[in-house]
Amino acid sequence: MGELEAIRTFLTVADQASFTTAARLLGMTPASVTRTVSGLEQALGVQLLLRTTRKVSLTSAGAAYAARVAPLVAGLVRATEETRDLQKVTVGSLRVSAPMSLGMKVLPTVLSQFSIIHPHTSVAIDLSDRFIDIVKESYDLAIRISGPPTDKSTIWRKIRPVPRLLVASPDFVARHGLPSRPEDLTDLECLSYNDQLKTETWELSRPGQARSIEAMGRFSINNGDFLCQLAVAGEGVALLPRFIVEEDMRAGRLLEILPGWTTPEIWLTLYYPPYEQLPLRVATFSDFFEAFIKESWEAAPER
């Protein structure tokens, strides 16, 4: 590994205070990261990091070295990207965060087609339904399904609205009856989208009416596909994006509940760190993703 990459590895460890986290961010093994930093220390003749069983911290020499080299490395990276951008060369790597359900259903085809057109761009996808801090965790962009952003430090780009439906299985409806008004849901088992055992509030509305329903139930899951399968199994009513439930609805495994009522609008959105200007590889992937979504989703009337 070259000196520049060794310095970048050291800076990542210092920033994350962890060899393991730095390895994950850099796509390396922890052992390789440790060897790289040790090699840099040997070359400099000083100890840059203090290692304990609990944490990693900078020595005074390491802090001084990091302060000197960090701006230089950032400048070199920026110069490389700007030169490539000026020549319209889409080269480099992307770290993308995406929600699990959307990622599994959409991104394999996106990556397959993107790689044909842009073979020199590497893409690392992290699928997670937890909220990702894209600045702190060093992502180039994040794909999210959510309401308006609350993080003012990020840049966001709306792609399209994501309709949501209340659904339950035919067996569940046969056992408990078909709700005719939102208030009926308070007497039914509801499936919450969160990772804690707490009640989710469903805001439902139709022209001239609005209701706020406490979705009470035994199960709370932070993954849409998991909730969908629980609903199919007859465990309760779920509020989920249409793209997750539409296959089961077409097959008759799920029924729409309260079809005249809607929920607050959520969007499929791209989020970026606070770039002064989007790097070409990020802008190119974003444009490709947006075009793919609009072509594939909007071509299907039921979406």
C-alpha atoms as a PDB file:
ATOM      1  CA  MET A   1       0.000   0.000   0.000  1.00  0.00           C
ATOM      2  CA  GLY A   2       1.305   3.462  -0.932  1.00  0.00           C
ATOM      3  CA  GLU A   3       2.099   6.186   1.566  1.00  0.00           C
ATOM      4  CA  LEU A   4      -1.007   8.208   0.678  1.00  0.00           C
ATOM      5  CA  GLU A   5      -3.314   5.253   1.249  1.00  0.00           C
ATOM      6  CA  ALA A   6      -1.518   4.463   4.518  1.00  0.00           C
ATOM      7  CA  ILE A   7      -2.089   8.034   5.686  1.00  0.00           C
ATOM      8  CA  ARG A   8      -5.757   7.858   4.689  1.00  0.00           C
ATOM      9  CA  THR A   9      -6.081   4.605   6.634  1.00  0.00           C
ATOM     10  CA  PHE A  10      -4.506   6.200   9.714  1.00  0.00           C
ATOM     11  CA  LEU A  11      -6.817   9.234   9.473  1.00  0.00           C
ATOM     12  CA  THR A  12      -9.872   6.986   9.218  1.00  0.00           C
ATOM     13  CA  VAL A  13      -8.830   5.031  12.330  1.00  0.00           C
ATOM     14  CA  ALA A  14      -8.204   8.285  14.178  1.00  0.00           C
ATOM     15  CA  ASP A  15     -11.560   9.719  13.118  1.00  0.00           C
ATOM     16  CA  GLN A  16     -13.506   6.582  14.068  1.00  0.00           C
ATOM     17  CA  ALA A  17     -11.394   5.730  17.154  1.00  0.00           C
ATOM     18  CA  SER A  18     -11.657   2.123  16.041  1.00  0.00           C
ATOM     19  CA  PHE A  19      -9.680  -0.213  13.798  1.00  0.00           C
ATOM     20  CA  THR A  20     -12.772  -2.358  13.207  1.00  0.00           C
ATOM     21  CA  THR A  21     -15.002   0.533  12.135  1.00  0.00           C
ATOM     22  CA  ALA A  22     -12.240   1.972   9.953  1.00  0.00           C
ATOM     23  CA  ALA A  23     -11.800  -1.422   8.290  1.00  0.00           C
ATOM     24  CA  ARG A  24     -15.518  -1.594   7.488  1.00  0.00           C
ATOM     25  CA  LEU A  25     -15.513   1.921   6.029  1.00  0.00           C
ATOM     26  CA  LEU A  26     -12.393   1.253   3.951  1.00  0.00           C
ATOM     27  CA  GLY A  27     -13.381  -2.219   2.780  1.00  0.00           C
ATOM     28  CA  MET A  28     -10.344  -3.778   4.473  1.00  0.00           C
ATOM     29  CA  THR A  29      -9.841  -6.371   7.175  1.00  0.00           C
ATOM     30  CA  PRO A  30      -9.036  -5.134  10.716  1.00  0.00           C
ATOM     31  CA  ALA A  31      -5.717  -6.980  10.564  1.00  0.00           C
ATOM     32  CA  SER A  32      -4.790  -5.194   7.333  1.00  0.00           C
ATOM     33  CA  VAL A  33      -5.674  -1.813   8.836  1.00  0.00           C
ATOM     34  CA  THR A  34      -3.562  -2.579  11.901  1.00  0.00           C
ATOM     35  CA  ARG A  35      -0.579  -3.594   9.751  1.00  0.00           C
ATOM     36  CA  THR A  36      -0.919  -0.483   7.608  1.00  0.00           C
ATOM     37  CA  VAL A  37      -0.944   1.900  10.585  1.00  0.00           C
ATOM     38  CA  SER A  38       1.929   0.025  12.230  1.00  0.00           C
ATOM     39  CA  GLY A  39       3.927   0.315   9.005  1.00  0.00           C
ATOM     40  CA  LEU A  40       3.302   4.065   8.893  1.00  0.00           C
ATOM     41  CA  GLU A  41       4.421   4.408  12.511  1.00  0.00           C
ATOM     42  CA  GLN A  42       7.599   2.465  11.770  1.00  0.00           C
ATOM     43  CA  ALA A  43       8.316   4.633   8.732  1.00  0.00           C
ATOM     44  CA  LEU A  44       7.849   7.812  10.793  1.00  0.00           C
ATOM     45  CA  GLY A  45       9.617   6.457  13.857  1.00  0.00           C
ATOM     46  CA  VAL A  46       6.839   7.610  16.213  1.00  0.00           C
ATOM     47  CA  GLN A  47       3.747   6.110  17.809  1.00  0.00           C
ATOM     48  CA  LEU A  48       0.641   7.707  16.352  1.00  0.00           C
ATOM     49  CA  LEU A  49      -2.098   5.792  18.177  1.00  0.00           C
ATOM     50  CA  LEU A  50      -2.647   4.432  21.666  1.00  0.00           C
ATOM     51  CA  ARG A  51      -4.367   1.043  21.607  1.00  0.00           C
ATOM     52  CA  THR A  52      -6.325  -0.274  24.574  1.00  0.00           C
ATOM     53  CA  THR A  53      -8.924  -3.008  24.852  1.00  0.00           C
ATOM     54  CA  ARG A  54     -11.660  -0.383  24.925  1.00  0.00           C
ATOM     55  CA  LYS A  55     -10.651   2.339  22.492  1.00  0.00           C
ATOM     56  CA  VAL A  56      -8.073   3.832  20.169  1.00  0.00           C
ATOM     57  CA  SER A  57      -6.831   7.381  20.695  1.00  0.00           C
ATOM     58  CA  LEU A  58      -4.229   9.690  19.233  1.00  0.00           C
ATOM     59  CA  THR A  59      -0.889  10.281  20.893  1.00  0.00           C
ATOM     60  CA  SER A  60       0.314  13.892  21.001  1.00  0.00           C
ATOM     61  CA  ALA A  61       2.554  13.135  18.018  1.00  0.00           C
ATOM     62  CA  GLY A  62      -0.378  11.455  16.245  1.00  0.00           C
ATOM     63  CA  ALA A  63      -2.649  14.451  16.833  1.00  0.00           C
ATOM     64  CA  ALA A  64      -0.020  16.835  15.472  1.00  0.00           C
ATOM     65  CA  TYR A  65       0.595  14.610  12.439  1.00  0.00           C
ATOM     66  CA  ALA A  66      -3.127  14.213  11.733  1.00  0.00           C
ATOM     67  CA  ALA A  67      -3.636  17.979  11.888  1.00  0.00           C
ATOM     68  CA  ARG A  68      -0.889  18.490   9.311  1.00  0.00           C
ATOM     69  CA  VAL A  69      -1.736  15.731   6.846  1.00  0.00           C
ATOM     70  CA  ALA A  70      -5.556  15.740   6.912  1.00  0.00           C
ATOM     71  CA  PRO A  71      -5.897  18.950   4.844  1.00  0.00           C
ATOM     72  CA  LEU A  72      -3.263  17.686   2.398  1.00  0.00           C
ATOM     73  CA  VAL A  73      -5.043  14.363   1.864  1.00  0.00           C
ATOM     74  CA  ALA A  74      -8.399  16.089   1.480  1.00  0.00           C
ATOM     75  CA  GLY A  75      -6.861  18.446  -1.069  1.00  0.00           C
ATOM     76  CA  LEU A  76      -5.347  15.574  -3.066  1.00  0.00           C
ATOM     77  CA  VAL A  77      -8.648  13.672  -3.092  1.00  0.00           C
ATOM     78  CA  ARG A  78     -10.507  16.807  -4.149  1.00  0.00           C
ATOM     79  CA  ALA A  79      -7.970  17.556  -6.896  1.00  0.00           C
ATOM     80  CA  THR A  80      -8.269  14.000  -8.234  1.00  0.00           C
ATOM     81  CA  GLU A  81     -12.052  14.160  -8.304  1.00  0.00           C
ATOM     82  CA  GLU A  82     -12.112  17.622  -9.892  1.00  0.00           C
ATOM     83  CA  THR A  83      -9.681  16.526 -12.603  1.00  0.00           C
ATOM     84  CA  ARG A  84     -11.799  13.482 -13.415  1.00  0.00           C
ATOM     85  CA  ASP A  85     -14.960  15.567 -13.339  1.00  0.00           C
ATOM     86  CA  LEU A  86     -13.476  18.090 -15.776  1.00  0.00           C
ATOM     87  CA  GLN A  87     -12.679  15.254 -18.152  1.00  0.00           C
ATOM     88  CA  LYS A  88     -16.137  13.683 -17.593  1.00  0.00           C
ATOM     89  CA  VAL A  89     -14.520  10.457 -16.400  1.00  0.00           C
ATOM     90  CA  THR A  90     -16.761   8.517 -14.021  1.00  0.00           C
ATOM     91  CA  VAL A  91     -14.107   6.651 -12.041  1.00  0.00           C
ATOM     92  CA  GLY A  92     -13.829   5.827  -8.383  1.00  0.00           C
ATOM     93  CA  SER A  93     -15.934   4.327  -5.652  1.00  0.00           C
ATOM     94  CA  LEU A  94     -19.302   5.050  -4.075  1.00  0.00           C
ATOM     95  CA  ARG A  95     -20.616   4.162  -0.623  1.00  0.00           C
ATOM     96  CA  VAL A  96     -24.398   4.095  -0.687  1.00  0.00           C
ATOM     97  CA  SER A  97     -26.792   3.551   2.206  1.00  0.00           C
ATOM     98  CA  ALA A  98     -30.265   2.196   1.394  1.00  0.00           C
ATOM     99  CA  PRO A  99     -33.247   0.727   3.275  1.00  0.00           C
ATOM    100  CA  MET A 100     -33.352  -3.063   3.308  1.00  0.00           C
ATOM    101  CA  SER A 101     -36.647  -3.711   1.500  1.00  0.00           C
ATOM    102  CA  LEU A 102     -36.098  -1.181  -1.274  1.00  0.00           C
ATOM    103  CA  GLY A 103     -32.487  -2.258  -1.684  1.00  0.00           C
ATOM    104  CA  MET A 104     -33.353  -5.930  -2.090  1.00  0.00           C
ATOM    105  CA  LYS A 105     -36.139  -5.245  -4.586  1.00  0.00           C
ATOM    106  CA  VAL A 106     -34.560  -2.502  -6.702  1.00  0.00           C
ATOM    107  CA  LEU A 107     -30.796  -2.166  -6.344  1.00  0.00           C
ATOM    108  CA  PRO A 108     -29.623  -5.479  -7.882  1.00  0.00           C
ATOM    109  CA  THR A 109     -31.069  -4.425 -11.252  1.00  0.00           C
ATOM    110  CA  VAL A 110     -29.828  -0.839 -10.808  1.00  0.00           C
ATOM    111  CA  LEU A 111     -26.261  -1.988 -10.118  1.00  0.00           C
ATOM    112  CA  SER A 112     -26.296  -4.540 -12.927  1.00  0.00           C
ATOM    113  CA  GLN A 113     -27.358  -1.959 -15.499  1.00  0.00           C
ATOM    114  CA  PHE A 114     -25.187   0.832 -14.064  1.00  0.00           C
ATOM    115  CA  SER A 115     -22.050  -1.321 -14.243  1.00  0.00           C
ATOM    116  CA  ILE A 116     -22.542  -1.867 -17.976  1.00  0.00           C
ATOM    117  CA  ILE A 117     -22.484   1.869 -18.674  1.00  0.00           C
ATOM    118  CA  HIS A 118     -19.946   2.845 -15.990  1.00  0.00           C
ATOM    119  CA  PRO A 119     -17.583  -0.122 -15.567  1.00  0.00           C
ATOM    120  CA  HIS A 120     -14.904   1.922 -13.771  1.00  0.00           C
ATOM    121  CA  THR A 121     -17.090   2.966 -10.842  1.00  0.00           C
ATOM    122  CA  SER A 122     -17.201   0.627  -7.847  1.00  0.00           C
ATOM    123  CA  VAL A 123     -20.304   0.719  -5.639  1.00  0.00           C
ATOM    124  CA  ALA A 124     -20.559  -0.491  -2.033  1.00  0.00           C
ATOM    125  CA  ILE A 125     -24.133  -0.815  -0.781  1.00  0.00           C
ATOM    126  CA  ASP A 126     -25.015  -0.893   2.916  1.00  0.00           C
ATOM    127  CA  LEU A 127     -28.595  -2.080   3.522  1.00  0.00           C
ATOM    128  CA  SER A 128     -30.050  -1.017   6.849  1.00  0.00           C
ATOM    129  CA  ASP A 129     -33.389   0.171   8.160  1.00  0.00           C
ATOM    130  CA  ARG A 130     -31.770   2.249  10.891  1.00  0.00           C
ATOM    131  CA  PHE A 131     -31.206   5.972  10.429  1.00  0.00           C
ATOM    132  CA  ILE A 132     -27.746   6.552   8.943  1.00  0.00           C
ATOM    133  CA  ASP A 133     -25.661   9.660   9.651  1.00  0.00           C
ATOM    134  CA  ILE A 134     -24.146   9.916   6.180  1.00  0.00           C
ATOM    135  CA  VAL A 135     -21.609  12.569   7.176  1.00  0.00           C
ATOM    136  CA  LYS A 136     -20.295  10.838  10.301  1.00  0.00           C
ATOM    137  CA  GLU A 137     -20.274   7.397   8.661  1.00  0.00           C
ATOM    138  CA  SER A 138     -18.679   8.614   5.408  1.00  0.00           C
ATOM    139  CA  TYR A 139     -21.344   7.736   2.840  1.00  0.00           C
ATOM    140  CA  ASP A 140     -21.387   9.397  -0.566  1.00  0.00           C
ATOM    141  CA  LEU A 141     -25.183   9.313  -0.649  1.00  0.00           C
ATOM    142  CA  ALA A 142     -28.146   7.690   1.044  1.00  0.00           C
ATOM    143  CA  ILE A 143     -31.407   6.445  -0.429  1.00  0.00           C
ATOM    144  CA  ARG A 144     -34.258   6.972   1.997  1.00  0.00           C
ATOM    145  CA  ILE A 145     -38.018   6.629   2.213  1.00  0.00           C
ATOM    146  CA  SER A 146     -39.194   9.253   4.664  1.00  0.00           C
ATOM    147  CA  GLY A 147     -40.945  12.508   5.286  1.00  0.00           C
ATOM    148  CA  PRO A 148     -39.218  15.907   4.949  1.00  0.00           C
ATOM    149  CA  PRO A 149     -35.634  15.899   6.302  1.00  0.00           C
ATOM    150  CA  THR A 150     -34.840  17.204   9.766  1.00  0.00           C
ATOM    151  CA  ASP A 151     -31.060  17.222   9.266  1.00  0.00           C
ATOM    152  CA  LYS A 152     -30.302  20.650   7.836  1.00  0.00           C
ATOM    153  CA  SER A 153     -26.641  19.812   7.138  1.00  0.00           C
ATOM    154  CA  THR A 154     -27.495  17.417   4.301  1.00  0.00           C
ATOM    155  CA  ILE A 155     -28.599  18.025   0.732  1.00  0.00           C
ATOM    156  CA  TRP A 156     -31.705  16.161  -0.402  1.00  0.00           C
ATOM    157  CA  ARG A 157     -33.331  15.410  -3.723  1.00  0.00           C
ATOM    158  CA  LYS A 158     -36.897  14.156  -4.028  1.00  0.00           C
ATOM    159  CA  ILE A 159     -37.370  11.335  -6.526  1.00  0.00           C
ATOM    160  CA  ARG A 160     -41.063  10.447  -6.205  1.00  0.00           C
ATOM    161  CA  PRO A 161     -43.799   9.953  -3.583  1.00  0.00           C
ATOM    162  CA  VAL A 162     -44.188   6.485  -2.061  1.00  0.00           C
ATOM    163  CA  PRO A 163     -47.842   5.539  -1.472  1.00  0.00           C
ATOM    164  CA  ARG A 164     -48.656   3.549   1.661  1.00  0.00           C
ATOM    165  CA  LEU A 165     -51.561   1.202   2.303  1.00  0.00           C
ATOM    166  CA  LEU A 166     -53.214  -0.376   5.318  1.00  0.00           C
ATOM    167  CA  VAL A 167     -53.314  -4.132   4.719  1.00  0.00           C
ATOM    168  CA  ALA A 168     -54.347  -7.352   6.430  1.00  0.00           C
ATOM    169  CA  SER A 169     -54.769 -10.965   5.374  1.00  0.00           C
ATOM    170  CA  PRO A 170     -58.149 -12.412   4.308  1.00  0.00           C
ATOM    171  CA  ASP A 171     -57.918 -14.786   7.283  1.00  0.00           C
ATOM    172  CA  PHE A 172     -57.425 -11.887   9.701  1.00  0.00           C
ATOM    173  CA  VAL A 173     -60.409 -10.042   8.197  1.00  0.00           C
ATOM    174  CA  ALA A 174     -62.541 -13.196   8.389  1.00  0.00           C
ATOM    175  CA  ARG A 175     -61.722 -13.585  12.087  1.00  0.00           C
ATOM    176  CA  HIS A 176     -62.033  -9.952  13.146  1.00  0.00           C
ATOM    177  CA  GLY A 177     -64.221  -8.290  10.549  1.00  0.00           C
ATOM    178  CA  LEU A 178     -63.431  -5.607   7.973  1.00  0.00           C
ATOM    179  CA  PRO A 179     -62.854  -2.160   9.550  1.00  0.00           C
ATOM    180  CA  SER A 180     -65.207   0.500   8.168  1.00  0.00           C
ATOM    181  CA  ARG A 181     -63.675   3.510   9.960  1.00  0.00           C
ATOM    182  CA  PRO A 182     -60.263   4.333  11.469  1.00  0.00           C
ATOM    183  CA  GLU A 183     -61.587   4.009  15.015  1.00  0.00           C
ATOM    184  CA  ASP A 184     -62.165   0.298  14.379  1.00  0.00           C
ATOM    185  CA  LEU A 185     -58.388  -0.203  14.266  1.00  0.00           C
ATOM    186  CA  THR A 186     -58.073   0.507  17.991  1.00  0.00           C
ATOM    187  CA  ASP A 187     -59.734  -2.842  18.724  1.00  0.00           C
ATOM    188  CA  LEU A 188     -57.479  -4.767  16.323  1.00  0.00           C
ATOM    189  CA  GLU A 189     -53.922  -6.087  16.484  1.00  0.00           C
ATOM    190  CA  CYS A 190     -51.714  -3.599  14.641  1.00  0.00           C
ATOM    191  CA  LEU A 191     -48.136  -4.142  13.469  1.00  0.00           C
ATOM    192  CA  SER A 192     -45.781  -1.244  14.219  1.00  0.00           C
ATOM    193  CA  TYR A 193     -42.831  -0.148  12.119  1.00  0.00           C
ATOM    194  CA  ASN A 194     -40.140   0.561  14.727  1.00  0.00           C
ATOM    195  CA  ASP A 195     -37.421  -1.273  16.613  1.00  0.00           C
ATOM    196  CA  GLN A 196     -38.859  -0.778  20.092  1.00  0.00           C
ATOM    197  CA  LEU A 197     -41.919  -2.036  21.920  1.00  0.00           C
ATOM    198  CA  LYS A 198     -43.806   1.216  21.653  1.00  0.00           C
ATOM    199  CA  THR A 199     -47.031   2.335  20.057  1.00  0.00           C
ATOM    200  CA  GLU A 200     -46.970   3.787  16.567  1.00  0.00           C
ATOM    201  CA  THR A 201     -49.367   6.593  15.651  1.00  0.00           C
ATOM    202  CA  TRP A 202     -51.116   6.355  12.283  1.00  0.00           C
ATOM    203  CA  GLU A 203     -52.366   9.647  10.862  1.00  0.00           C
ATOM    204  CA  LEU A 204     -55.286   8.940   8.517  1.00  0.00           C
ATOM    205  CA  SER A 205     -57.291  11.430   6.483  1.00  0.00           C
ATOM    206  CA  ARG A 206     -59.838  11.861   3.715  1.00  0.00           C
ATOM    207  CA  PRO A 207     -61.502  15.052   2.420  1.00  0.00           C
ATOM    208  CA  GLY A 208     -62.883  16.929   5.409  1.00  0.00           C
ATOM    209  CA  GLN A 209     -61.793  14.361   8.003  1.00  0.00           C
ATOM    210  CA  ALA A 210     -58.636  13.444   9.892  1.00  0.00           C
ATOM    211  CA  ARG A 211     -57.996  10.786  12.513  1.00  0.00           C
ATOM    212  CA  SER A 212     -55.008   9.962  14.706  1.00  0.00           C
ATOM    213  CA  ILE A 213     -54.947   6.274  15.638  1.00  0.00           C
ATOM    214  CA  GLU A 214     -52.734   4.590  18.220  1.00  0.00           C
ATOM    215  CA  ALA A 215     -51.634   1.368  16.508  1.00  0.00           C
ATOM    216  CA  MET A 216     -51.551  -1.048  19.432  1.00  0.00           C
ATOM    217  CA  GLY A 217     -50.088  -4.501  19.047  1.00  0.00           C
ATOM    218  CA  ARG A 218     -47.646  -7.151  20.265  1.00  0.00           C
ATOM    219  CA  PHE A 219     -45.076  -6.828  17.487  1.00  0.00           C
ATOM    220  CA  SER A 220     -42.755  -3.963  16.533  1.00  0.00           C
ATOM    221  CA  ILE A 221     -40.371  -4.553  13.613  1.00  0.00           C
ATOM    222  CA  ASN A 222     -38.066  -2.129  11.797  1.00  0.00           C
ATOM    223  CA  ASN A 223     -38.245  -3.914   8.448  1.00  0.00           C
ATOM    224  CA  GLY A 224     -41.075  -3.633   5.938  1.00  0.00           C
ATOM    225  CA  ASP A 225     -40.724  -7.106   4.404  1.00  0.00           C
ATOM    226  CA  PHE A 226     -40.835  -8.700   7.864  1.00  0.00           C
ATOM    227  CA  LEU A 227     -44.004  -6.734   8.720  1.00  0.00           C
ATOM    228  CA  CYS A 228     -45.519  -7.746   5.395  1.00  0.00           C
ATOM    229  CA  GLN A 229     -44.954 -11.435   6.126  1.00  0.00           C
ATOM    230  CA  LEU A 230     -46.479 -11.050   9.588  1.00  0.00           C
ATOM    231  CA  ALA A 231     -49.534  -9.464   7.967  1.00  0.00           C
ATOM    232  CA  VAL A 232     -49.735 -12.318   5.432  1.00  0.00           C
ATOM    233  CA  ALA A 233     -49.589 -14.772   8.355  1.00  0.00           C
ATOM    234  CA  GLY A 234     -52.683 -13.110   9.825  1.00  0.00           C
ATOM    235  CA  GLU A 235     -50.959 -11.427  12.768  1.00  0.00           C
ATOM    236  CA  GLY A 236     -52.498  -7.985  12.315  1.00  0.00           C
ATOM    237  CA  VAL A 237     -52.976  -4.823  10.279  1.00  0.00           C
ATOM    238  CA  ALA A 238     -49.865  -3.181   8.818  1.00  0.00           C
ATOM    239  CA  LEU A 239     -49.220   0.214   7.244  1.00  0.00           C
ATOM    240  CA  LEU A 240     -46.638  -0.322   4.491  1.00  0.00           C
ATOM    241  CA  PRO A 241     -45.402   1.142   1.186  1.00  0.00           C
ATOM    242  CA  ARG A 242     -47.270  -0.212  -1.810  1.00  0.00           C
ATOM    243  CA  PHE A 243     -44.105  -1.574  -3.457  1.00  0.00           C
ATOM    244  CA  ILE A 244     -43.644  -3.949  -0.509  1.00  0.00           C
ATOM    245  CA  VAL A 245     -47.199  -5.328  -0.410  1.00  0.00           C
ATOM    246  CA  GLU A 246     -48.332  -5.191  -4.051  1.00  0.00           C
ATOM    247  CA  GLU A 247     -47.200  -8.721  -4.964  1.00  0.00           C
ATOM    248  CA  ASP A 248     -49.076 -10.234  -2.016  1.00  0.00           C
ATOM    249  CA  MET A 249     -52.114  -8.117  -2.854  1.00  0.00           C
ATOM    250  CA  ARG A 250     -52.152  -9.341  -6.461  1.00  0.00           C
ATOM    251  CA  ALA A 251     -51.888 -12.910  -5.198  1.00  0.00           C
ATOM    252  CA  GLY A 252     -54.787 -12.398  -2.780  1.00  0.00           C
ATOM    253  CA  ARG A 253     -52.649 -12.892   0.319  1.00  0.00           C
ATOM    254  CA  LEU A 254     -53.344  -9.331   1.516  1.00  0.00           C
ATOM    255  CA  LEU A 255     -56.359  -7.022   1.338  1.00  0.00           C
ATOM    256  CA  GLU A 256     -56.375  -3.238   1.483  1.00  0.00           C
ATOM    257  CA  ILE A 257     -58.036  -1.874   4.625  1.00  0.00           C
ATOM    258  CA  LEU A 258     -59.873   1.492   4.658  1.00  0.00           C
ATOM    259  CA  PRO A 259     -59.084   2.259   0.998  1.00  0.00           C
ATOM    260  CA  GLY A 260     -60.667   5.719   1.138  1.00  0.00           C
ATOM    261  CA  TRP A 261     -58.216   6.954   3.770  1.00  0.00           C
ATOM    262  CA  THR A 262     -54.663   8.196   3.125  1.00  0.00           C
ATOM    263  CA  THR A 263     -51.572   8.767   5.267  1.00  0.00           C
ATOM    264  CA  PRO A 264     -49.093  11.689   5.304  1.00  0.00           C
ATOM    265  CA  GLU A 265     -46.963  11.759   2.182  1.00  0.00           C
ATOM    266  CA  ILE A 266     -43.546  10.172   2.264  1.00  0.00           C
ATOM    267  CA  TRP A 267     -40.963  10.304  -0.522  1.00  0.00           C
ATOM    268  CA  LEU A 268     -38.209   8.268  -2.054  1.00  0.00           C
ATOM    269  CA  THR A 269     -35.346  10.701  -1.591  1.00  0.00           C
ATOM    270  CA  LEU A 270     -31.603  10.908  -2.148  1.00  0.00           C
ATOM    271  CA  TYR A 271     -29.540  12.497   0.619  1.00  0.00           C
ATOM    272  CA  TYR A 272     -25.984  13.799   0.264  1.00  0.00           C
ATOM    273  CA  PRO A 273     -23.291  15.187   2.554  1.00  0.00           C
ATOM    274  CA  PRO A 274     -22.928  18.976   2.277  1.00  0.00           C
ATOM    275  CA  TYR A 275     -20.964  18.953  -0.993  1.00  0.00           C
ATOM    276  CA  GLU A 276     -20.149  22.302  -2.580  1.00  0.00           C
ATOM    277  CA  GLN A 277     -20.770  20.466  -5.853  1.00  0.00           C
ATOM    278  CA  LEU A 278     -21.805  16.854  -6.350  1.00  0.00           C
ATOM    279  CA  PRO A 279     -18.836  14.722  -7.495  1.00  0.00           C
ATOM    280  CA  LEU A 280     -19.410  13.417 -11.006  1.00  0.00           C
ATOM    281  CA  ARG A 281     -19.653   9.779  -9.912  1.00  0.00           C
ATOM    282  CA  VAL A 282     -22.301  10.702  -7.300  1.00  0.00           C
ATOM    283  CA  ALA A 283     -24.291  12.828  -9.732  1.00  0.00           C
ATOM    284  CA  THR A 284     -24.069  10.143 -12.422  1.00  0.00           C
ATOM    285  CA  PHE A 285     -25.327   7.390 -10.104  1.00  0.00           C
ATOM    286  CA  SER A 286     -28.088   9.671  -8.808  1.00  0.00           C
ATOM    287  CA  ASP A 287     -29.304  10.504 -12.313  1.00  0.00           C
ATOM    288  CA  PHE A 288     -29.206   6.835 -13.298  1.00  0.00           C
ATOM    289  CA  PHE A 289     -31.130   5.774 -10.179  1.00  0.00           C
ATOM    290  CA  GLU A 290     -33.782   8.448 -10.678  1.00  0.00           C
ATOM    291  CA  ALA A 291     -34.256   7.539 -14.351  1.00  0.00           C
ATOM    292  CA  PHE A 292     -34.538   3.843 -13.468  1.00  0.00           C
ATOM    293  CA  ILE A 293     -37.139   4.477 -10.754  1.00  0.00           C
ATOM    294  CA  LYS A 294     -39.250   6.745 -12.916  1.00  0.00           C
ATOM    295  CA  GLU A 295     -39.153   4.344 -15.838  1.00  0.00           C
ATOM    296  CA  SER A 296     -39.832   1.156 -13.869  1.00  0.00           C
ATOM    297  CA  TRP A 297     -42.215   2.447 -11.186  1.00  0.00           C
ATOM    298  CA  GLU A 298     -44.233   4.919 -13.196  1.00  0.00           C
ATOM    299  CA  ALA A 299     -44.702   2.398 -15.993  1.00  0.00           C
ATOM    300  CA  ALA A 300     -46.775   0.298 -13.575  1.00  0.00           C
ATOM    301  CA  PRO A 301     -50.243   1.843 -13.106  1.00  0.00           C
ATOM    302  CA  GLU A 302     -50.844   0.083  -9.792  1.00  0.00           C
ATOM    303  CA  ARG A 303     -47.951   1.900  -8.146  1.00  0.00           C
END
